[in-house]
Amino acid sequence: MELKALLFDVDGTLADTERDGHRVAFNAAFAEYGLDWHWDVDLYGQLLAVTGGKERMHYYVDRFRNDYAKPDDFTDLVAELHRAKTRHYTRMLQEGGIPMRTGVVRLLNEAREAGLRLAIATTTTPENVTALLRHSLADDTNDWFEVIAAGDIVPAKKPAADIYLWAMQQMQLTPGACFAFEDSENGLRSSRGAGLKTLITINDYTRSHAFPGAVAVLSDLGEPGHMPDVLVGNLADQPYVNLAAIRAWHAAD
């Protein structure tokens, strides 16, 4: 079947929002409040096992900072820190401080020039998606992506397939006409559950995940002069991820 659309996850796939965005914003909030807390890349990977920023801060103090004496208003302090973190994250987006991953802008432009349809399928909030795309990609991103399936638009989040199924339904396309991009095991379970052939580009927090059924697992999409590392599969005889590679993966049995 002819390839008609590319569907993208956001966090970790289009941009390293956790490592280069949320983590940095947390650290800025801690510094603003005079705390000696610092979440490096490895520590933040452990903290990601806890869902929710406020819950993550509580877990950090309980698990890693036995030397910290909690004030009586610690819960209120955590809430203030979280508001400050959100402010710093928004500022970083506005300043373009969270760039797209290697090869993302190039591939999106190639797809647009070729007339392929584009969509987003993510569990992050629509507001975060819109802000990231507008400030880190282009002002007119609403014209780039035909569908932005995000947040609570479906009741079951990844690894359920619902968000991808909803996006394809809106586009009136079948899985055979689409191709997906993910970065995590749960993301792959979601896209594969929807019947989509899927390429994985790992990041610091997902390199140890298992990716059964992916067409390939790469370090990134690559650029001219920069061939991505191939962890599983191959580049379909291409120097980096371009439309020729995607069409070859899409057409393969």
C-alpha atoms as a PDB file:
ATOM      1  CA  MET A   1       0.000   0.000   0.000  1.00  0.00           C
ATOM      2  CA  GLU A   2       1.208   3.513  -0.778  1.00  0.00           C
ATOM      3  CA  LEU A   3       2.738   5.490   2.093  1.00  0.00           C
ATOM      4  CA  LYS A   4       0.618   8.562   2.749  1.00  0.00           C
ATOM      5  CA  ALA A   5       1.354   9.787   6.277  1.00  0.00           C
ATOM      6  CA  LEU A   6       4.014   9.972   8.983  1.00  0.00           C
ATOM      7  CA  LEU A   7       2.940   9.933  12.647  1.00  0.00           C
ATOM      8  CA  PHE A   8       5.294  11.222  15.341  1.00  0.00           C
ATOM      9  CA  ASP A   9       5.559  10.873  19.081  1.00  0.00           C
ATOM     10  CA  VAL A  10       6.844  14.071  20.757  1.00  0.00           C
ATOM     11  CA  ASP A  11       8.722  13.736  24.057  1.00  0.00           C
ATOM     12  CA  GLY A  12      12.027  12.021  23.381  1.00  0.00           C
ATOM     13  CA  THR A  13      11.261  11.538  19.685  1.00  0.00           C
ATOM     14  CA  LEU A  14      10.981  15.025  18.194  1.00  0.00           C
ATOM     15  CA  ALA A  15      12.926  16.647  21.043  1.00  0.00           C
ATOM     16  CA  ASP A  16      14.717  15.590  24.222  1.00  0.00           C
ATOM     17  CA  THR A  17      12.182  17.442  26.344  1.00  0.00           C
ATOM     18  CA  GLU A  18      12.898  15.455  29.507  1.00  0.00           C
ATOM     19  CA  ARG A  19      16.694  15.649  29.559  1.00  0.00           C
ATOM     20  CA  ASP A  20      17.127  19.090  27.978  1.00  0.00           C
ATOM     21  CA  GLY A  21      13.848  20.657  29.089  1.00  0.00           C
ATOM     22  CA  HIS A  22      12.046  19.500  32.214  1.00  0.00           C
ATOM     23  CA  ARG A  23      15.236  18.404  34.013  1.00  0.00           C
ATOM     24  CA  VAL A  24      16.951  21.726  33.359  1.00  0.00           C
ATOM     25  CA  ALA A  25      13.853  23.635  34.446  1.00  0.00           C
ATOM     26  CA  PHE A  26      13.702  21.706  37.726  1.00  0.00           C
ATOM     27  CA  ASN A  27      17.325  22.581  38.421  1.00  0.00           C
ATOM     28  CA  ALA A  28      16.669  26.251  37.670  1.00  0.00           C
ATOM     29  CA  ALA A  29      13.790  26.247  40.155  1.00  0.00           C
ATOM     30  CA  PHE A  30      15.944  24.616  42.821  1.00  0.00           C
ATOM     31  CA  ALA A  31      18.654  27.257  42.328  1.00  0.00           C
ATOM     32  CA  GLU A  32      16.080  30.056  42.433  1.00  0.00           C
ATOM     33  CA  TYR A  33      14.963  28.866  45.867  1.00  0.00           C
ATOM     34  CA  GLY A  34      18.524  28.475  47.146  1.00  0.00           C
ATOM     35  CA  LEU A  35      18.414  24.673  47.332  1.00  0.00           C
ATOM     36  CA  ASP A  36      21.528  22.583  46.734  1.00  0.00           C
ATOM     37  CA  TRP A  37      19.525  19.979  44.840  1.00  0.00           C
ATOM     38  CA  HIS A  38      20.767  19.085  41.363  1.00  0.00           C
ATOM     39  CA  TRP A  39      19.341  16.424  39.073  1.00  0.00           C
ATOM     40  CA  ASP A  40      21.945  15.198  36.620  1.00  0.00           C
ATOM     41  CA  VAL A  41      21.058  13.118  33.582  1.00  0.00           C
ATOM     42  CA  ASP A  42      21.502   9.750  35.286  1.00  0.00           C
ATOM     43  CA  LEU A  43      19.609  10.694  38.438  1.00  0.00           C
ATOM     44  CA  TYR A  44      16.732  12.142  36.457  1.00  0.00           C
ATOM     45  CA  GLY A  45      16.463   8.863  34.580  1.00  0.00           C
ATOM     46  CA  GLN A  46      15.812   7.152  37.909  1.00  0.00           C
ATOM     47  CA  LEU A  47      13.346   9.817  39.000  1.00  0.00           C
ATOM     48  CA  LEU A  48      11.311   9.359  35.811  1.00  0.00           C
ATOM     49  CA  ALA A  49      10.032   6.118  37.289  1.00  0.00           C
ATOM     50  CA  VAL A  50       7.813   8.363  39.439  1.00  0.00           C
ATOM     51  CA  THR A  51       4.929  10.030  37.618  1.00  0.00           C
ATOM     52  CA  GLY A  52       4.308  13.715  38.290  1.00  0.00           C
ATOM     53  CA  GLY A  53       6.729  16.541  39.052  1.00  0.00           C
ATOM     54  CA  LYS A  54       5.603  17.195  42.622  1.00  0.00           C
ATOM     55  CA  GLU A  55       5.589  13.482  43.397  1.00  0.00           C
ATOM     56  CA  ARG A  56       9.065  13.253  41.870  1.00  0.00           C
ATOM     57  CA  MET A  57      10.390  15.915  44.249  1.00  0.00           C
ATOM     58  CA  HIS A  58       8.923  14.136  47.277  1.00  0.00           C
ATOM     59  CA  TYR A  59      10.485  10.876  46.126  1.00  0.00           C
ATOM     60  CA  TYR A  60      13.850  12.556  45.561  1.00  0.00           C
ATOM     61  CA  VAL A  61      14.006  13.918  49.108  1.00  0.00           C
ATOM     62  CA  ASP A  62      12.802  10.663  50.674  1.00  0.00           C
ATOM     63  CA  ARG A  63      15.080   8.431  48.599  1.00  0.00           C
ATOM     64  CA  PHE A  64      18.215  10.497  47.996  1.00  0.00           C
ATOM     65  CA  ARG A  65      18.347  13.372  50.496  1.00  0.00           C
ATOM     66  CA  ASN A  66      18.140  11.998  54.006  1.00  0.00           C
ATOM     67  CA  ASP A  67      20.293  14.962  55.045  1.00  0.00           C
ATOM     68  CA  TYR A  68      17.538  17.433  54.146  1.00  0.00           C
ATOM     69  CA  ALA A  69      15.360  18.602  57.030  1.00  0.00           C
ATOM     70  CA  LYS A  70      11.867  19.104  55.682  1.00  0.00           C
ATOM     71  CA  PRO A  71      10.202  22.333  56.835  1.00  0.00           C
ATOM     72  CA  ASP A  72       6.677  22.190  58.216  1.00  0.00           C
ATOM     73  CA  ASP A  73       5.353  23.679  54.975  1.00  0.00           C
ATOM     74  CA  PHE A  74       7.270  21.253  52.743  1.00  0.00           C
ATOM     75  CA  THR A  75       4.205  20.313  50.690  1.00  0.00           C
ATOM     76  CA  ASP A  76       3.570  23.995  49.977  1.00  0.00           C
ATOM     77  CA  LEU A  77       7.242  24.470  49.092  1.00  0.00           C
ATOM     78  CA  VAL A  78       7.078  21.603  46.604  1.00  0.00           C
ATOM     79  CA  ALA A  79       4.018  23.188  44.989  1.00  0.00           C
ATOM     80  CA  GLU A  80       5.883  26.512  44.700  1.00  0.00           C
ATOM     81  CA  LEU A  81       8.905  24.783  43.206  1.00  0.00           C
ATOM     82  CA  HIS A  82       6.702  23.065  40.650  1.00  0.00           C
ATOM     83  CA  ARG A  83       5.161  26.389  39.599  1.00  0.00           C
ATOM     84  CA  ALA A  84       8.640  27.863  39.264  1.00  0.00           C
ATOM     85  CA  LYS A  85       9.750  24.863  37.235  1.00  0.00           C
ATOM     86  CA  THR A  86       6.821  25.352  34.843  1.00  0.00           C
ATOM     87  CA  ARG A  87       7.747  29.024  34.449  1.00  0.00           C
ATOM     88  CA  HIS A  88      11.359  28.149  33.623  1.00  0.00           C
ATOM     89  CA  TYR A  89      10.261  25.442  31.172  1.00  0.00           C
ATOM     90  CA  THR A  90       7.958  27.862  29.369  1.00  0.00           C
ATOM     91  CA  ARG A  91      10.748  30.441  29.182  1.00  0.00           C
ATOM     92  CA  MET A  92      13.098  27.848  27.704  1.00  0.00           C
ATOM     93  CA  LEU A  93      10.536  27.034  25.038  1.00  0.00           C
ATOM     94  CA  GLN A  94      10.021  30.699  24.211  1.00  0.00           C
ATOM     95  CA  GLU A  95      13.772  31.168  23.864  1.00  0.00           C
ATOM     96  CA  GLY A  96      14.092  28.135  21.623  1.00  0.00           C
ATOM     97  CA  GLY A  97      16.131  26.396  24.281  1.00  0.00           C
ATOM     98  CA  ILE A  98      14.773  22.917  23.544  1.00  0.00           C
ATOM     99  CA  PRO A  99      15.892  22.055  20.011  1.00  0.00           C
ATOM    100  CA  MET A 100      14.537  19.349  17.776  1.00  0.00           C
ATOM    101  CA  ARG A 101      16.575  16.153  17.693  1.00  0.00           C
ATOM    102  CA  THR A 102      19.125  15.503  14.965  1.00  0.00           C
ATOM    103  CA  GLY A 103      17.494  15.071  11.564  1.00  0.00           C
ATOM    104  CA  VAL A 104      13.939  15.901  12.648  1.00  0.00           C
ATOM    105  CA  VAL A 105      13.575  19.274  10.906  1.00  0.00           C
ATOM    106  CA  ARG A 106      15.219  17.958   7.749  1.00  0.00           C
ATOM    107  CA  LEU A 107      12.936  14.922   7.571  1.00  0.00           C
ATOM    108  CA  LEU A 108       9.790  16.954   8.248  1.00  0.00           C
ATOM    109  CA  ASN A 109      10.700  19.334   5.447  1.00  0.00           C
ATOM    110  CA  GLU A 110      11.406  16.421   3.087  1.00  0.00           C
ATOM    111  CA  ALA A 111       8.036  14.901   3.907  1.00  0.00           C
ATOM    112  CA  ARG A 112       6.191  18.172   3.382  1.00  0.00           C
ATOM    113  CA  GLU A 113       7.901  18.763   0.041  1.00  0.00           C
ATOM    114  CA  ALA A 114       6.921  15.235  -1.035  1.00  0.00           C
ATOM    115  CA  GLY A 115       3.285  15.813  -0.112  1.00  0.00           C
ATOM    116  CA  LEU A 116       3.159  13.337   2.755  1.00  0.00           C
ATOM    117  CA  ARG A 117       0.646  14.065   5.503  1.00  0.00           C
ATOM    118  CA  LEU A 118       1.938  14.620   9.037  1.00  0.00           C
ATOM    119  CA  ALA A 119       0.400  13.962  12.453  1.00  0.00           C
ATOM    120  CA  ILE A 120       1.313  13.934  16.137  1.00  0.00           C
ATOM    121  CA  ALA A 121       0.392  11.088  18.501  1.00  0.00           C
ATOM    122  CA  THR A 122       1.468  11.752  22.084  1.00  0.00           C
ATOM    123  CA  THR A 123       0.309  11.516  25.679  1.00  0.00           C
ATOM    124  CA  THR A 124       1.687  14.920  26.684  1.00  0.00           C
ATOM    125  CA  THR A 125      -0.696  17.874  26.931  1.00  0.00           C
ATOM    126  CA  PRO A 126      -1.779  19.714  23.770  1.00  0.00           C
ATOM    127  CA  GLU A 127      -0.488  22.986  25.267  1.00  0.00           C
ATOM    128  CA  ASN A 128       3.019  21.581  25.738  1.00  0.00           C
ATOM    129  CA  VAL A 129       3.003  20.154  22.224  1.00  0.00           C
ATOM    130  CA  THR A 130       1.867  23.412  20.648  1.00  0.00           C
ATOM    131  CA  ALA A 131       4.412  25.463  22.611  1.00  0.00           C
ATOM    132  CA  LEU A 132       7.284  23.142  21.753  1.00  0.00           C
ATOM    133  CA  LEU A 133       6.456  23.028  18.056  1.00  0.00           C
ATOM    134  CA  ARG A 134       5.857  26.765  17.769  1.00  0.00           C
ATOM    135  CA  HIS A 135       9.044  27.819  19.551  1.00  0.00           C
ATOM    136  CA  SER A 136      11.411  25.021  18.512  1.00  0.00           C
ATOM    137  CA  LEU A 137      10.171  24.266  14.998  1.00  0.00           C
ATOM    138  CA  ALA A 138       8.192  27.012  13.289  1.00  0.00           C
ATOM    139  CA  ASP A 139       5.470  29.592  13.961  1.00  0.00           C
ATOM    140  CA  ASP A 140       3.124  27.947  11.472  1.00  0.00           C
ATOM    141  CA  THR A 141       3.316  24.377  12.804  1.00  0.00           C
ATOM    142  CA  ASN A 142      -0.469  24.126  12.861  1.00  0.00           C
ATOM    143  CA  ASP A 143      -0.160  24.071   9.084  1.00  0.00           C
ATOM    144  CA  TRP A 144       2.528  21.377   9.221  1.00  0.00           C
ATOM    145  CA  PHE A 145       0.558  18.774  11.158  1.00  0.00           C
ATOM    146  CA  GLU A 146      -2.886  17.790   9.963  1.00  0.00           C
ATOM    147  CA  VAL A 147      -3.757  16.165  13.302  1.00  0.00           C
ATOM    148  CA  ILE A 148      -2.328  16.715  16.781  1.00  0.00           C
ATOM    149  CA  ALA A 149      -3.568  13.838  18.909  1.00  0.00           C
ATOM    150  CA  ALA A 150      -2.445  14.673  22.435  1.00  0.00           C
ATOM    151  CA  GLY A 151      -3.214  14.456  26.131  1.00  0.00           C
ATOM    152  CA  ASP A 152      -6.546  13.124  27.340  1.00  0.00           C
ATOM    153  CA  ILE A 153      -8.208  13.074  23.934  1.00  0.00           C
ATOM    154  CA  VAL A 154      -8.471   9.306  24.414  1.00  0.00           C
ATOM    155  CA  PRO A 155      -9.048   7.647  27.811  1.00  0.00           C
ATOM    156  CA  ALA A 156      -6.267   5.048  27.596  1.00  0.00           C
ATOM    157  CA  LYS A 157      -2.753   6.429  27.186  1.00  0.00           C
ATOM    158  CA  LYS A 158       0.305   4.684  25.789  1.00  0.00           C
ATOM    159  CA  PRO A 159       1.137   1.791  25.775  1.00  0.00           C
ATOM    160  CA  ALA A 160      -2.508   1.472  24.675  1.00  0.00           C
ATOM    161  CA  ALA A 161      -2.941   1.940  20.929  1.00  0.00           C
ATOM    162  CA  ASP A 162      -5.838   4.389  21.284  1.00  0.00           C
ATOM    163  CA  ILE A 163      -3.988   7.625  20.488  1.00  0.00           C
ATOM    164  CA  TYR A 164      -2.673   6.257  17.181  1.00  0.00           C
ATOM    165  CA  LEU A 165      -6.025   4.754  16.259  1.00  0.00           C
ATOM    166  CA  TRP A 166      -7.712   8.095  16.964  1.00  0.00           C
ATOM    167  CA  ALA A 167      -5.200  10.008  14.825  1.00  0.00           C
ATOM    168  CA  MET A 168      -5.639   7.650  11.879  1.00  0.00           C
ATOM    169  CA  GLN A 169      -9.398   7.808  12.245  1.00  0.00           C
ATOM    170  CA  GLN A 170      -9.263  11.597  12.018  1.00  0.00           C
ATOM    171  CA  MET A 171      -7.129  11.332   8.885  1.00  0.00           C
ATOM    172  CA  GLN A 172      -9.330   8.576   7.451  1.00  0.00           C
ATOM    173  CA  LEU A 173      -6.279   6.410   6.861  1.00  0.00           C
ATOM    174  CA  THR A 174      -5.512   2.759   7.553  1.00  0.00           C
ATOM    175  CA  PRO A 175      -2.324   1.560   9.289  1.00  0.00           C
ATOM    176  CA  GLY A 176      -1.023   0.307   5.968  1.00  0.00           C
ATOM    177  CA  ALA A 177      -0.836   3.875   4.664  1.00  0.00           C
ATOM    178  CA  CYS A 178       1.089   5.210   7.679  1.00  0.00           C
ATOM    179  CA  PHE A 179       4.486   5.015   9.348  1.00  0.00           C
ATOM    180  CA  ALA A 180       5.304   5.900  12.984  1.00  0.00           C
ATOM    181  CA  PHE A 181       8.272   7.294  14.905  1.00  0.00           C
ATOM    182  CA  GLU A 182       8.836   6.497  18.581  1.00  0.00           C
ATOM    183  CA  ASP A 183      11.593   6.473  21.196  1.00  0.00           C
ATOM    184  CA  SER A 184      10.396   4.153  23.978  1.00  0.00           C
ATOM    185  CA  GLU A 185       9.168   0.641  24.653  1.00  0.00           C
ATOM    186  CA  ASN A 186       5.711   1.877  25.672  1.00  0.00           C
ATOM    187  CA  GLY A 187       5.539   4.053  22.580  1.00  0.00           C
ATOM    188  CA  LEU A 188       6.401   1.110  20.359  1.00  0.00           C
ATOM    189  CA  ARG A 189       3.773  -1.052  22.053  1.00  0.00           C
ATOM    190  CA  SER A 190       1.246   1.678  21.295  1.00  0.00           C
ATOM    191  CA  SER A 191       2.141   2.142  17.631  1.00  0.00           C
ATOM    192  CA  ARG A 192       2.548  -1.558  16.944  1.00  0.00           C
ATOM    193  CA  GLY A 193      -0.751  -2.207  18.714  1.00  0.00           C
ATOM    194  CA  ALA A 194      -2.318   0.117  16.166  1.00  0.00           C
ATOM    195  CA  GLY A 195      -0.750  -1.900  13.349  1.00  0.00           C
ATOM    196  CA  LEU A 196       1.898   0.670  12.407  1.00  0.00           C
ATOM    197  CA  LYS A 197       5.377  -0.019  11.158  1.00  0.00           C
ATOM    198  CA  THR A 198       7.606   1.955  13.488  1.00  0.00           C
ATOM    199  CA  LEU A 199      11.134   3.356  13.600  1.00  0.00           C
ATOM    200  CA  ILE A 200      12.796   3.830  16.989  1.00  0.00           C
ATOM    201  CA  THR A 201      15.318   6.563  17.761  1.00  0.00           C
ATOM    202  CA  ILE A 202      16.521   5.978  21.306  1.00  0.00           C
ATOM    203  CA  ASN A 203      17.541   8.599  23.833  1.00  0.00           C
ATOM    204  CA  ASP A 204      19.483   8.533  27.094  1.00  0.00           C
ATOM    205  CA  TYR A 205      16.492   7.232  29.011  1.00  0.00           C
ATOM    206  CA  THR A 206      15.317   4.528  26.593  1.00  0.00           C
ATOM    207  CA  ARG A 207      18.504   2.935  25.281  1.00  0.00           C
ATOM    208  CA  SER A 208      18.009  -0.073  27.588  1.00  0.00           C
ATOM    209  CA  HIS A 209      14.384  -0.668  26.514  1.00  0.00           C
ATOM    210  CA  ALA A 210      13.328  -3.642  24.421  1.00  0.00           C
ATOM    211  CA  PHE A 211      11.977  -2.897  20.946  1.00  0.00           C
ATOM    212  CA  PRO A 212      10.484  -6.056  19.422  1.00  0.00           C
ATOM    213  CA  GLY A 213       8.855  -5.433  16.075  1.00  0.00           C
ATOM    214  CA  ALA A 214      10.543  -2.120  15.238  1.00  0.00           C
ATOM    215  CA  VAL A 215      11.727  -1.779  11.637  1.00  0.00           C
ATOM    216  CA  ALA A 216      15.039  -0.489  13.030  1.00  0.00           C
ATOM    217  CA  VAL A 217      16.488   1.004  16.218  1.00  0.00           C
ATOM    218  CA  LEU A 218      18.812   3.974  15.698  1.00  0.00           C
ATOM    219  CA  SER A 219      20.613   6.615  17.746  1.00  0.00           C
ATOM    220  CA  ASP A 220      18.882   9.411  15.804  1.00  0.00           C
ATOM    221  CA  LEU A 221      17.641  10.223  12.303  1.00  0.00           C
ATOM    222  CA  GLY A 222      21.037  11.418  11.106  1.00  0.00           C
ATOM    223  CA  GLU A 223      22.045  14.235   8.794  1.00  0.00           C
ATOM    224  CA  PRO A 224      24.244  14.579   5.695  1.00  0.00           C
ATOM    225  CA  GLY A 225      27.732  13.924   7.023  1.00  0.00           C
ATOM    226  CA  HIS A 226      26.387  12.303  10.189  1.00  0.00           C
ATOM    227  CA  MET A 227      25.347   8.660   9.896  1.00  0.00           C
ATOM    228  CA  PRO A 228      23.268   7.510  12.873  1.00  0.00           C
ATOM    229  CA  ASP A 229      24.354   4.528  14.942  1.00  0.00           C
ATOM    230  CA  VAL A 230      22.371   1.419  13.992  1.00  0.00           C
ATOM    231  CA  LEU A 231      21.503  -0.700  17.021  1.00  0.00           C
ATOM    232  CA  VAL A 232      18.990  -3.035  15.370  1.00  0.00           C
ATOM    233  CA  GLY A 233      18.196  -3.504  11.678  1.00  0.00           C
ATOM    234  CA  ASN A 234      19.703  -1.391   8.923  1.00  0.00           C
ATOM    235  CA  LEU A 235      19.378   1.955   7.128  1.00  0.00           C
ATOM    236  CA  ALA A 236      17.891   0.418   3.969  1.00  0.00           C
ATOM    237  CA  ASP A 237      21.079   1.289   2.031  1.00  0.00           C
ATOM    238  CA  GLN A 238      20.715   4.989   2.853  1.00  0.00           C
ATOM    239  CA  PRO A 239      23.260   7.238   4.643  1.00  0.00           C
ATOM    240  CA  TYR A 240      20.645   8.474   7.153  1.00  0.00           C
ATOM    241  CA  VAL A 241      16.875   8.390   7.620  1.00  0.00           C
ATOM    242  CA  ASN A 242      15.324   9.921   4.544  1.00  0.00           C
ATOM    243  CA  LEU A 243      12.124   9.252   2.631  1.00  0.00           C
ATOM    244  CA  ALA A 244      13.824   6.558   0.560  1.00  0.00           C
ATOM    245  CA  ALA A 245      14.651   4.623   3.741  1.00  0.00           C
ATOM    246  CA  ILE A 246      11.174   5.120   5.158  1.00  0.00           C
ATOM    247  CA  ARG A 247       9.510   3.938   1.955  1.00  0.00           C
ATOM    248  CA  ALA A 248      11.767   0.845   1.930  1.00  0.00           C
ATOM    249  CA  TRP A 249      10.893  -0.019   5.549  1.00  0.00           C
ATOM    250  CA  HIS A 250       7.228   0.637   4.871  1.00  0.00           C
ATOM    251  CA  ALA A 251       7.193  -1.636   1.828  1.00  0.00           C
ATOM    252  CA  ALA A 252       9.117  -4.505   3.434  1.00  0.00           C
ATOM    253  CA  ASP A 253       7.302  -7.619   4.616  1.00  0.00           C
END
